[in-house]
Amino acid sequence: MTQETRTATIGAGPVTLGTSGLGARTAPGSADEEAAVEVALDLFAGDHAFLDTSNNYAGGRSEAVLGLALARLAPEAAARVVSKVDHEPGTRVFDRDRVLRSFDETTARLGVDHLPLLHLHDPYSVTFEEAVGPGGAVEGLVELREAGRVGAIGVAAAPVPLMARYVRTGVFDAVLIHNRFTVVDQSAAPVFAEAKERGMTVFNAAPFGSGLLAKGPHDGAVYDYRPAGADLLAWTRRLQETCAAHGVSLPAVALHYSLRSPLVDSTVVGVASPGRRAQLDRLVATQVPDELWDAVDALGPAPSPVDDSAYA
């Protein structure tokens, strides 16, 4: 596959609203579904450029709920939804044909025929070589872009070594990595820097580390969907005390760590429950004093539990 440098044309804003939990465990036509649609309508009422979903989020219910919301809105609202193609449930097939089917499933649920951005999502059921080779998933994404059915294509996953390989193909317009550019773990920084040099749009997802940096250290806390060890909890407790000493909350600092970075074009934050967008907007508006960042640096590196060595 020919490498090239791309010019980013994706109109992402500082914050992208993630909808992985939207519509979870709701049935079509139920009161719970209607409540989820109301949450979706509130997300569209905000001024954030994109709402981020995926073919497999909540078993397809995230896209279905967003589609119901879009049906009540002006047509231009559809240009704010970005999604991802996923492997086939059950078989885990993830080739060119599956990408095209996944896209068709997504657009049917959303009630649209075009997406501004479509990501290759969690391509773990195939090797990198299979994904980028003839008949592979990347071929399907490129076809969709060349046909004008999507405005841009990206890759969205986590392991840094794997993501570096996808970025270096030169094929993608965007990259999304989660839990690897936070106040705890900055392992995605080199990949983000290379993506920026290539003109790609950088999405940084999960600035709260799957919960630890939103709720603070507590029994059962997780980072990157795995238990936070005692050493990380102790470090986070010191961080929380540092934030309090400067008059700001831990979640505000976690969010602004990403918002202030020149490596990040848009920070993806999950919002799937009533009032969550308003809470997020208050965090965005929080003024974080510059001197706090020096105090954070003085804490030293966090003992991150992230281990991507299996993908090296």
Foldseek 3Di string as FASTA:
>chain_A
DAAAFDAFPQPFAAAEAEALAQQAPHDPPDPSLVQSLVLLLVVLVDDGQAYEEELCRSHNRSLLSLLVNCVVDDVVSQARYEYEQAADPPVSDFWLVSLVVSVVSSCVSNVHQAYQEYEHEDNPSDDPCQQPDPRHNLVNVVVCCVVRRYNFYEYEEEQQLVLLVVLRNNRGQEYEYELAPWLAHPVNVVSLVVNVVSNHAYEYEDLCQQPCQPPHQDPPDHGVPHGDDPQLNVLRVVLQVLQVVQPHGSNLRSSVSQSVDPSHRYYYYYDRHPPRVVVVVVSVPDDGDPVSVVVSVVSPHGPDPDDSPVSD
